[in-house]
Amino acid sequence: RLALALADVLGPDTEVDVRVADALHAPLDQLLARDD
């Protein structure tokens, strides 16, 4: 619910990468993966 509201706040042009996940259990290597 909050993720949807957050998308509303940020608007369609945002570059924020919003992930719906549980930070206690989600694989951190996926949450923190970067190319650089």
PDB file of all heavy atoms in Angstrom:
ATOM      1  N   ARG A   1       0.836  -1.209   0.000  1.00  0.00           N
ATOM      2  CA  ARG A   1       0.000   0.000   0.000  1.00  0.00           C
ATOM      3  C   ARG A   1       0.866   1.251   0.000  1.00  0.00           C
ATOM      4  O   ARG A   1       0.608   2.213  -0.747  1.00  0.00           O
ATOM      5  CB  ARG A   1      -0.911   0.028   1.219  1.00  0.00           C
ATOM      6  CG  ARG A   1      -1.793  -1.189   1.437  1.00  0.00           C
ATOM      7  CD  ARG A   1      -2.448  -1.084   2.821  1.00  0.00           C
ATOM      8  NE  ARG A   1      -1.473  -0.805   3.858  1.00  0.00           N
ATOM      9  CZ  ARG A   1      -1.739  -0.186   5.013  1.00  0.00           C
ATOM     10  NH1 ARG A   1      -2.963   0.237   5.266  1.00  0.00           N
ATOM     11  NH2 ARG A   1      -0.786   0.010   5.917  1.00  0.00           N
ATOM     12  N   LEU A   2       1.901   1.242   0.826  1.00  0.00           N
ATOM     13  CA  LEU A   2       2.780   2.404   0.905  1.00  0.00           C
ATOM     14  C   LEU A   2       3.631   2.550  -0.348  1.00  0.00           C
ATOM     15  O   LEU A   2       3.933   3.664  -0.773  1.00  0.00           O
ATOM     16  CB  LEU A   2       3.668   2.312   2.146  1.00  0.00           C
ATOM     17  CG  LEU A   2       2.954   2.444   3.492  1.00  0.00           C
ATOM     18  CD1 LEU A   2       3.957   2.349   4.629  1.00  0.00           C
ATOM     19  CD2 LEU A   2       2.189   3.762   3.574  1.00  0.00           C
ATOM     20  N   ALA A   3       4.024   1.421  -0.937  1.00  0.00           N
ATOM     21  CA  ALA A   3       4.800   1.488  -2.173  1.00  0.00           C
ATOM     22  C   ALA A   3       4.001   2.178  -3.271  1.00  0.00           C
ATOM     23  O   ALA A   3       4.546   2.974  -4.057  1.00  0.00           O
ATOM     24  CB  ALA A   3       5.214   0.086  -2.607  1.00  0.00           C
ATOM     25  N   LEU A   4       2.704   1.910  -3.339  1.00  0.00           N
ATOM     26  CA  LEU A   4       1.854   2.563  -4.333  1.00  0.00           C
ATOM     27  C   LEU A   4       1.711   4.059  -4.029  1.00  0.00           C
ATOM     28  O   LEU A   4       1.762   4.900  -4.937  1.00  0.00           O
ATOM     29  CB  LEU A   4       0.485   1.895  -4.368  1.00  0.00           C
ATOM     30  CG  LEU A   4       0.452   0.454  -4.902  1.00  0.00           C
ATOM     31  CD1 LEU A   4      -0.930  -0.164  -4.704  1.00  0.00           C
ATOM     32  CD2 LEU A   4       0.852   0.426  -6.373  1.00  0.00           C
ATOM     33  N   ALA A   5       1.535   4.387  -2.763  1.00  0.00           N
ATOM     34  CA  ALA A   5       1.441   5.801  -2.382  1.00  0.00           C
ATOM     35  C   ALA A   5       2.756   6.521  -2.645  1.00  0.00           C
ATOM     36  O   ALA A   5       2.772   7.685  -3.070  1.00  0.00           O
ATOM     37  CB  ALA A   5       1.045   5.920  -0.911  1.00  0.00           C
ATOM     38  N   LEU A   6       3.868   5.838  -2.405  1.00  0.00           N
ATOM     39  CA  LEU A   6       5.183   6.433  -2.667  1.00  0.00           C
ATOM     40  C   LEU A   6       5.343   6.744  -4.155  1.00  0.00           C
ATOM     41  O   LEU A   6       5.874   7.803  -4.524  1.00  0.00           O
ATOM     42  CB  LEU A   6       6.281   5.478  -2.203  1.00  0.00           C
ATOM     43  CG  LEU A   6       7.724   5.912  -2.440  1.00  0.00           C
ATOM     44  CD1 LEU A   6       8.033   7.220  -1.725  1.00  0.00           C
ATOM     45  CD2 LEU A   6       8.699   4.818  -1.982  1.00  0.00           C
ATOM     46  N   ALA A   7       4.890   5.836  -5.006  1.00  0.00           N
ATOM     47  CA  ALA A   7       4.952   6.091  -6.449  1.00  0.00           C
ATOM     48  C   ALA A   7       4.136   7.329  -6.807  1.00  0.00           C
ATOM     49  O   ALA A   7       4.521   8.116  -7.694  1.00  0.00           O
ATOM     50  CB  ALA A   7       4.446   4.869  -7.210  1.00  0.00           C
ATOM     51  N   ASP A   8       3.013   7.531  -6.129  1.00  0.00           N
ATOM     52  CA  ASP A   8       2.182   8.717  -6.325  1.00  0.00           C
ATOM     53  C   ASP A   8       2.948   9.976  -5.943  1.00  0.00           C
ATOM     54  O   ASP A   8       2.939  10.989  -6.655  1.00  0.00           O
ATOM     55  CB  ASP A   8       0.905   8.566  -5.494  1.00  0.00           C
ATOM     56  CG  ASP A   8      -0.069   9.719  -5.683  1.00  0.00           C
ATOM     57  OD1 ASP A   8       0.132  10.535  -6.591  1.00  0.00           O
ATOM     58  OD2 ASP A   8      -1.049   9.793  -4.910  1.00  0.00           O
ATOM     59  N   VAL A   9       3.642   9.925  -4.811  1.00  0.00           N
ATOM     60  CA  VAL A   9       4.410  11.087  -4.342  1.00  0.00           C
ATOM     61  C   VAL A   9       5.551  11.417  -5.300  1.00  0.00           C
ATOM     62  O   VAL A   9       5.792  12.586  -5.636  1.00  0.00           O
ATOM     63  CB  VAL A   9       4.969  10.806  -2.931  1.00  0.00           C
ATOM     64  CG1 VAL A   9       5.963  11.890  -2.519  1.00  0.00           C
ATOM     65  CG2 VAL A   9       3.832  10.719  -1.922  1.00  0.00           C
ATOM     66  N   LEU A  10       6.255  10.396  -5.761  1.00  0.00           N
ATOM     67  CA  LEU A  10       7.444  10.614  -6.578  1.00  0.00           C
ATOM     68  C   LEU A  10       7.115  10.993  -8.020  1.00  0.00           C
ATOM     69  O   LEU A  10       7.899  11.680  -8.677  1.00  0.00           O
ATOM     70  CB  LEU A  10       8.317   9.350  -6.562  1.00  0.00           C
ATOM     71  CG  LEU A  10       8.877   8.956  -5.198  1.00  0.00           C
ATOM     72  CD1 LEU A  10       9.588   7.605  -5.289  1.00  0.00           C
ATOM     73  CD2 LEU A  10       9.830  10.020  -4.663  1.00  0.00           C
ATOM     74  N   GLY A  11       5.966  10.548  -8.500  1.00  0.00           N
ATOM     75  CA  GLY A  11       5.568  10.877  -9.858  1.00  0.00           C
ATOM     76  C   GLY A  11       6.177   9.953 -10.890  1.00  0.00           C
ATOM     77  O   GLY A  11       7.076   9.164 -10.599  1.00  0.00           O
ATOM     78  N   PRO A  12       5.705  10.046 -12.142  1.00  0.00           N
ATOM     79  CA  PRO A  12       6.119   9.088 -13.182  1.00  0.00           C
ATOM     80  C   PRO A  12       7.553   9.260 -13.664  1.00  0.00           C
ATOM     81  O   PRO A  12       8.108   8.340 -14.262  1.00  0.00           O
ATOM     82  CB  PRO A  12       5.129   9.372 -14.317  1.00  0.00           C
ATOM     83  CG  PRO A  12       4.712  10.802 -14.109  1.00  0.00           C
ATOM     84  CD  PRO A  12       4.694  11.009 -12.630  1.00  0.00           C
ATOM     85  N   ASP A  13       8.129  10.413 -13.431  1.00  0.00           N
ATOM     86  CA  ASP A  13       9.476  10.667 -13.968  1.00  0.00           C
ATOM     87  C   ASP A  13      10.589  10.384 -12.972  1.00  0.00           C
ATOM     88  O   ASP A  13      11.759  10.664 -13.244  1.00  0.00           O
ATOM     89  CB  ASP A  13       9.581  12.122 -14.444  1.00  0.00           C
ATOM     90  CG  ASP A  13       8.594  12.430 -15.564  1.00  0.00           C
ATOM     91  OD1 ASP A  13       8.341  11.526 -16.387  1.00  0.00           O
ATOM     92  OD2 ASP A  13       8.080  13.562 -15.591  1.00  0.00           O
ATOM     93  N   THR A  14      10.240   9.846 -11.813  1.00  0.00           N
ATOM     94  CA  THR A  14      11.263   9.605 -10.791  1.00  0.00           C
ATOM     95  C   THR A  14      12.251   8.540 -11.236  1.00  0.00           C
ATOM     96  O   THR A  14      11.903   7.616 -11.984  1.00  0.00           O
ATOM     97  CB  THR A  14      10.621   9.169  -9.469  1.00  0.00           C
ATOM     98  OG1 THR A  14      11.659   8.958  -8.502  1.00  0.00           O
ATOM     99  CG2 THR A  14       9.867   7.856  -9.637  1.00  0.00           C
ATOM    100  N   GLU A  15      13.464   8.679 -10.753  1.00  0.00           N
ATOM    101  CA  GLU A  15      14.473   7.650 -10.989  1.00  0.00           C
ATOM    102  C   GLU A  15      14.715   6.806  -9.741  1.00  0.00           C
ATOM    103  O   GLU A  15      15.644   6.001  -9.703  1.00  0.00           O
ATOM    104  CB  GLU A  15      15.785   8.297 -11.447  1.00  0.00           C
ATOM    105  CG  GLU A  15      15.664   8.993 -12.798  1.00  0.00           C
ATOM    106  CD  GLU A  15      16.980   9.538 -13.289  1.00  0.00           C
ATOM    107  OE1 GLU A  15      17.985   9.422 -12.561  1.00  0.00           O
ATOM    108  OE2 GLU A  15      17.009  10.103 -14.398  1.00  0.00           O
ATOM    109  N   VAL A  16      13.871   6.983  -8.738  1.00  0.00           N
ATOM    110  CA  VAL A  16      13.982   6.161  -7.524  1.00  0.00           C
ATOM    111  C   VAL A  16      13.590   4.722  -7.866  1.00  0.00           C
ATOM    112  O   VAL A  16      12.563   4.478  -8.506  1.00  0.00           O
ATOM    113  CB  VAL A  16      13.085   6.701  -6.400  1.00  0.00           C
ATOM    114  CG1 VAL A  16      13.130   5.769  -5.191  1.00  0.00           C
ATOM    115  CG2 VAL A  16      13.525   8.104  -5.999  1.00  0.00           C
ATOM    116  N   ASP A  17      14.425   3.796  -7.450  1.00  0.00           N
ATOM    117  CA  ASP A  17      14.178   2.371  -7.673  1.00  0.00           C
ATOM    118  C   ASP A  17      13.453   1.831  -6.445  1.00  0.00           C
ATOM    119  O   ASP A  17      14.061   1.614  -5.401  1.00  0.00           O
ATOM    120  CB  ASP A  17      15.514   1.656  -7.880  1.00  0.00           C
ATOM    121  CG  ASP A  17      15.356   0.171  -8.168  1.00  0.00           C
ATOM    122  OD1 ASP A  17      14.207  -0.311  -8.173  1.00  0.00           O
ATOM    123  OD2 ASP A  17      16.380  -0.501  -8.361  1.00  0.00           O
ATOM    124  N   VAL A  18      12.134   1.643  -6.554  1.00  0.00           N
ATOM    125  CA  VAL A  18      11.325   1.186  -5.425  1.00  0.00           C
ATOM    126  C   VAL A  18      11.159  -0.322  -5.518  1.00  0.00           C
ATOM    127  O   VAL A  18      10.676  -0.847  -6.523  1.00  0.00           O
ATOM    128  CB  VAL A  18       9.945   1.868  -5.407  1.00  0.00           C
ATOM    129  CG1 VAL A  18       9.124   1.364  -4.215  1.00  0.00           C
ATOM    130  CG2 VAL A  18      10.094   3.387  -5.342  1.00  0.00           C
ATOM    131  N   ARG A  19      11.565  -1.015  -4.460  1.00  0.00           N
ATOM    132  CA  ARG A  19      11.435  -2.470  -4.392  1.00  0.00           C
ATOM    133  C   ARG A  19      10.458  -2.820  -3.266  1.00  0.00           C
ATOM    134  O   ARG A  19      10.598  -2.324  -2.142  1.00  0.00           O
ATOM    135  CB  ARG A  19      12.783  -3.131  -4.086  1.00  0.00           C
ATOM    136  CG  ARG A  19      13.930  -2.704  -5.000  1.00  0.00           C
ATOM    137  CD  ARG A  19      13.890  -3.419  -6.319  1.00  0.00           C
ATOM    138  NE  ARG A  19      15.021  -3.046  -7.163  1.00  0.00           N
ATOM    139  CZ  ARG A  19      16.152  -3.761  -7.243  1.00  0.00           C
ATOM    140  NH1 ARG A  19      16.290  -4.878  -6.529  1.00  0.00           N
ATOM    141  NH2 ARG A  19      17.128  -3.370  -8.043  1.00  0.00           N
ATOM    142  N   VAL A  20       9.481  -3.662  -3.568  1.00  0.00           N
ATOM    143  CA  VAL A  20       8.577  -4.172  -2.530  1.00  0.00           C
ATOM    144  C   VAL A  20       9.204  -5.457  -2.003  1.00  0.00           C
ATOM    145  O   VAL A  20       9.218  -6.489  -2.677  1.00  0.00           O
ATOM    146  CB  VAL A  20       7.167  -4.431  -3.080  1.00  0.00           C
ATOM    147  CG1 VAL A  20       6.265  -4.975  -1.969  1.00  0.00           C
ATOM    148  CG2 VAL A  20       6.580  -3.147  -3.660  1.00  0.00           C
ATOM    149  N   ALA A  21       9.755  -5.378  -0.807  1.00  0.00           N
ATOM    150  CA  ALA A  21      10.501  -6.507  -0.251  1.00  0.00           C
ATOM    151  C   ALA A  21      10.653  -6.325   1.247  1.00  0.00           C
ATOM    152  O   ALA A  21      10.473  -5.222   1.780  1.00  0.00           O
ATOM    153  CB  ALA A  21      11.882  -6.620  -0.907  1.00  0.00           C
ATOM    154  N   ASP A  22      11.003  -7.411   1.915  1.00  0.00           N
ATOM    155  CA  ASP A  22      11.253  -7.415   3.357  1.00  0.00           C
ATOM    156  C   ASP A  22      12.767  -7.350   3.571  1.00  0.00           C
ATOM    157  O   ASP A  22      13.486  -8.303   3.264  1.00  0.00           O
ATOM    158  CB  ASP A  22      10.674  -8.691   3.967  1.00  0.00           C
ATOM    159  CG  ASP A  22      10.825  -8.758   5.478  1.00  0.00           C
ATOM    160  OD1 ASP A  22      11.550  -7.911   6.043  1.00  0.00           O
ATOM    161  OD2 ASP A  22      10.236  -9.666   6.088  1.00  0.00           O
ATOM    162  N   ALA A  23      13.234  -6.233   4.084  1.00  0.00           N
ATOM    163  CA  ALA A  23      14.677  -6.042   4.255  1.00  0.00           C
ATOM    164  C   ALA A  23      15.287  -7.019   5.243  1.00  0.00           C
ATOM    165  O   ALA A  23      16.504  -7.201   5.259  1.00  0.00           O
ATOM    166  CB  ALA A  23      14.971  -4.612   4.697  1.00  0.00           C
ATOM    167  N   LEU A  24      14.459  -7.660   6.057  1.00  0.00           N
ATOM    168  CA  LEU A  24      14.980  -8.645   7.002  1.00  0.00           C
ATOM    169  C   LEU A  24      15.267  -9.986   6.346  1.00  0.00           C
ATOM    170  O   LEU A  24      16.085 -10.762   6.849  1.00  0.00           O
ATOM    171  CB  LEU A  24      13.986  -8.863   8.146  1.00  0.00           C
ATOM    172  CG  LEU A  24      14.062  -7.897   9.323  1.00  0.00           C
ATOM    173  CD1 LEU A  24      12.991  -8.242  10.337  1.00  0.00           C
ATOM    174  CD2 LEU A  24      15.436  -7.920   9.970  1.00  0.00           C
ATOM    175  N   HIS A  25      14.611 -10.264   5.221  1.00  0.00           N
ATOM    176  CA  HIS A  25      14.701 -11.603   4.654  1.00  0.00           C
ATOM    177  C   HIS A  25      15.052 -11.645   3.173  1.00  0.00           C
ATOM    178  O   HIS A  25      15.511 -12.680   2.687  1.00  0.00           O
ATOM    179  CB  HIS A  25      13.387 -12.353   4.884  1.00  0.00           C
ATOM    180  CG  HIS A  25      12.978 -12.441   6.314  1.00  0.00           C
ATOM    181  ND1 HIS A  25      13.665 -13.191   7.246  1.00  0.00           N
ATOM    182  CD2 HIS A  25      11.969 -11.829   6.988  1.00  0.00           C
ATOM    183  CE1 HIS A  25      13.095 -13.060   8.429  1.00  0.00           C
ATOM    184  NE2 HIS A  25      12.059 -12.244   8.301  1.00  0.00           N
ATOM    185  N   ALA A  26      14.839 -10.573   2.449  1.00  0.00           N
ATOM    186  CA  ALA A  26      15.127 -10.576   1.016  1.00  0.00           C
ATOM    187  C   ALA A  26      16.626 -10.749   0.773  1.00  0.00           C
ATOM    188  O   ALA A  26      17.450 -10.270   1.569  1.00  0.00           O
ATOM    189  CB  ALA A  26      14.645  -9.273   0.379  1.00  0.00           C
ATOM    190  N   PRO A  27      17.017 -11.425  -0.299  1.00  0.00           N
ATOM    191  CA  PRO A  27      18.443 -11.600  -0.594  1.00  0.00           C
ATOM    192  C   PRO A  27      19.135 -10.248  -0.797  1.00  0.00           C
ATOM    193  O   PRO A  27      18.773  -9.485  -1.693  1.00  0.00           O
ATOM    194  CB  PRO A  27      18.431 -12.416  -1.894  1.00  0.00           C
ATOM    195  CG  PRO A  27      17.096 -13.073  -1.931  1.00  0.00           C
ATOM    196  CD  PRO A  27      16.150 -12.116  -1.267  1.00  0.00           C
ATOM    197  N   LEU A  28      20.108  -9.964   0.032  1.00  0.00           N
ATOM    198  CA  LEU A  28      20.776  -8.669  -0.040  1.00  0.00           C
ATOM    199  C   LEU A  28      21.599  -8.508  -1.313  1.00  0.00           C
ATOM    200  O   LEU A  28      21.778  -7.393  -1.801  1.00  0.00           O
ATOM    201  CB  LEU A  28      21.661  -8.471   1.194  1.00  0.00           C
ATOM    202  CG  LEU A  28      20.906  -8.251   2.509  1.00  0.00           C
ATOM    203  CD1 LEU A  28      21.875  -8.181   3.673  1.00  0.00           C
ATOM    204  CD2 LEU A  28      20.066  -6.980   2.450  1.00  0.00           C
ATOM    205  N   ASP A  29      22.107  -9.613  -1.852  1.00  0.00           N
ATOM    206  CA  ASP A  29      22.875  -9.489  -3.084  1.00  0.00           C
ATOM    207  C   ASP A  29      22.005  -8.981  -4.223  1.00  0.00           C
ATOM    208  O   ASP A  29      22.493  -8.291  -5.133  1.00  0.00           O
ATOM    209  CB  ASP A  29      23.538 -10.817  -3.453  1.00  0.00           C
ATOM    210  CG  ASP A  29      22.531 -11.952  -3.624  1.00  0.00           C
ATOM    211  OD1 ASP A  29      21.386 -11.811  -3.156  1.00  0.00           O
ATOM    212  OD2 ASP A  29      22.903 -12.969  -4.222  1.00  0.00           O
ATOM    213  N   GLN A  30      20.704  -9.285  -4.180  1.00  0.00           N
ATOM    214  CA  GLN A  30      19.791  -8.767  -5.195  1.00  0.00           C
ATOM    215  C   GLN A  30      19.396  -7.321  -4.902  1.00  0.00           C
ATOM    216  O   GLN A  30      19.352  -6.486  -5.809  1.00  0.00           O
ATOM    217  CB  GLN A  30      18.546  -9.650  -5.276  1.00  0.00           C
ATOM    218  CG  GLN A  30      18.814 -11.074  -5.739  1.00  0.00           C
ATOM    219  CD  GLN A  30      17.559 -11.924  -5.764  1.00  0.00           C
ATOM    220  OE1 GLN A  30      16.441 -11.418  -5.763  1.00  0.00           O
ATOM    221  NE2 GLN A  30      17.738 -13.245  -5.780  1.00  0.00           N
ATOM    222  N   LEU A  31      19.122  -7.021  -3.643  1.00  0.00           N
ATOM    223  CA  LEU A  31      18.720  -5.655  -3.292  1.00  0.00           C
ATOM    224  C   LEU A  31      19.841  -4.650  -3.541  1.00  0.00           C
ATOM    225  O   LEU A  31      19.578  -3.479  -3.842  1.00  0.00           O
ATOM    226  CB  LEU A  31      18.296  -5.586  -1.827  1.00  0.00           C
ATOM    227  CG  LEU A  31      16.972  -6.254  -1.445  1.00  0.00           C
ATOM    228  CD1 LEU A  31      16.683  -6.022   0.024  1.00  0.00           C
ATOM    229  CD2 LEU A  31      15.829  -5.715  -2.291  1.00  0.00           C
ATOM    230  N   LEU A  32      21.089  -5.092  -3.418  1.00  0.00           N
ATOM    231  CA  LEU A  32      22.227  -4.173  -3.517  1.00  0.00           C
ATOM    232  C   LEU A  32      23.013  -4.339  -4.815  1.00  0.00           C
ATOM    233  O   LEU A  32      24.091  -3.755  -4.958  1.00  0.00           O
ATOM    234  CB  LEU A  32      23.157  -4.373  -2.317  1.00  0.00           C
ATOM    235  CG  LEU A  32      22.531  -4.108  -0.943  1.00  0.00           C
ATOM    236  CD1 LEU A  32      23.488  -4.500   0.162  1.00  0.00           C
ATOM    237  CD2 LEU A  32      22.135  -2.645  -0.812  1.00  0.00           C
ATOM    238  N   ALA A  33      22.487  -5.106  -5.745  1.00  0.00           N
ATOM    239  CA  ALA A  33      23.213  -5.334  -6.997  1.00  0.00           C
ATOM    240  C   ALA A  33      23.360  -4.029  -7.781  1.00  0.00           C
ATOM    241  O   ALA A  33      22.413  -3.258  -7.928  1.00  0.00           O
ATOM    242  CB  ALA A  33      22.470  -6.365  -7.846  1.00  0.00           C
ATOM    243  N   ARG A  34      24.574  -3.772  -8.262  1.00  0.00           N
ATOM    244  CA  ARG A  34      24.862  -2.582  -9.076  1.00  0.00           C
ATOM    245  C   ARG A  34      25.852  -2.965 -10.160  1.00  0.00           C
ATOM    246  O   ARG A  34      26.675  -3.859  -9.996  1.00  0.00           O
ATOM    247  CB  ARG A  34      25.480  -1.468  -8.221  1.00  0.00           C
ATOM    248  CG  ARG A  34      24.574  -0.877  -7.179  1.00  0.00           C
ATOM    249  CD  ARG A  34      25.290   0.235  -6.417  1.00  0.00           C
ATOM    250  NE  ARG A  34      25.702   1.300  -7.312  1.00  0.00           N
ATOM    251  CZ  ARG A  34      24.910   2.323  -7.661  1.00  0.00           C
ATOM    252  NH1 ARG A  34      23.691   2.394  -7.182  1.00  0.00           N
ATOM    253  NH2 ARG A  34      25.332   3.263  -8.466  1.00  0.00           N
ATOM    254  N   ASP A  35      25.783  -2.228 -11.252  1.00  0.00           N
ATOM    255  CA  ASP A  35      26.706  -2.488 -12.354  1.00  0.00           C
ATOM    256  C   ASP A  35      28.063  -1.816 -12.149  1.00  0.00           C
ATOM    257  O   ASP A  35      29.075  -2.286 -12.657  1.00  0.00           O
ATOM    258  CB  ASP A  35      26.108  -2.005 -13.682  1.00  0.00           C
ATOM    259  CG  ASP A  35      24.878  -2.800 -14.091  1.00  0.00           C
ATOM    260  OD1 ASP A  35      24.803  -3.986 -13.715  1.00  0.00           O
ATOM    261  OD2 ASP A  35      24.002  -2.228 -14.763  1.00  0.00           O
ATOM    262  N   ASP A  36      28.070  -0.718 -11.379  1.00  0.00           N
ATOM    263  CA  ASP A  36      29.306   0.065 -11.274  1.00  0.00           C
ATOM    264  C   ASP A  36      30.166  -0.328 -10.081  1.00  0.00           C
ATOM    265  O   ASP A  36      31.279   0.191  -9.918  1.00  0.00           O
ATOM    266  CB  ASP A  36      28.989   1.560 -11.218  1.00  0.00           C
ATOM    267  CG  ASP A  36      28.031   1.925 -10.098  1.00  0.00           C
ATOM    268  OD1 ASP A  36      27.902   1.133  -9.140  1.00  0.00           O
ATOM    269  OD2 ASP A  36      27.409   2.992 -10.178  1.00  0.00           O
TER     270      ASP A  36
END
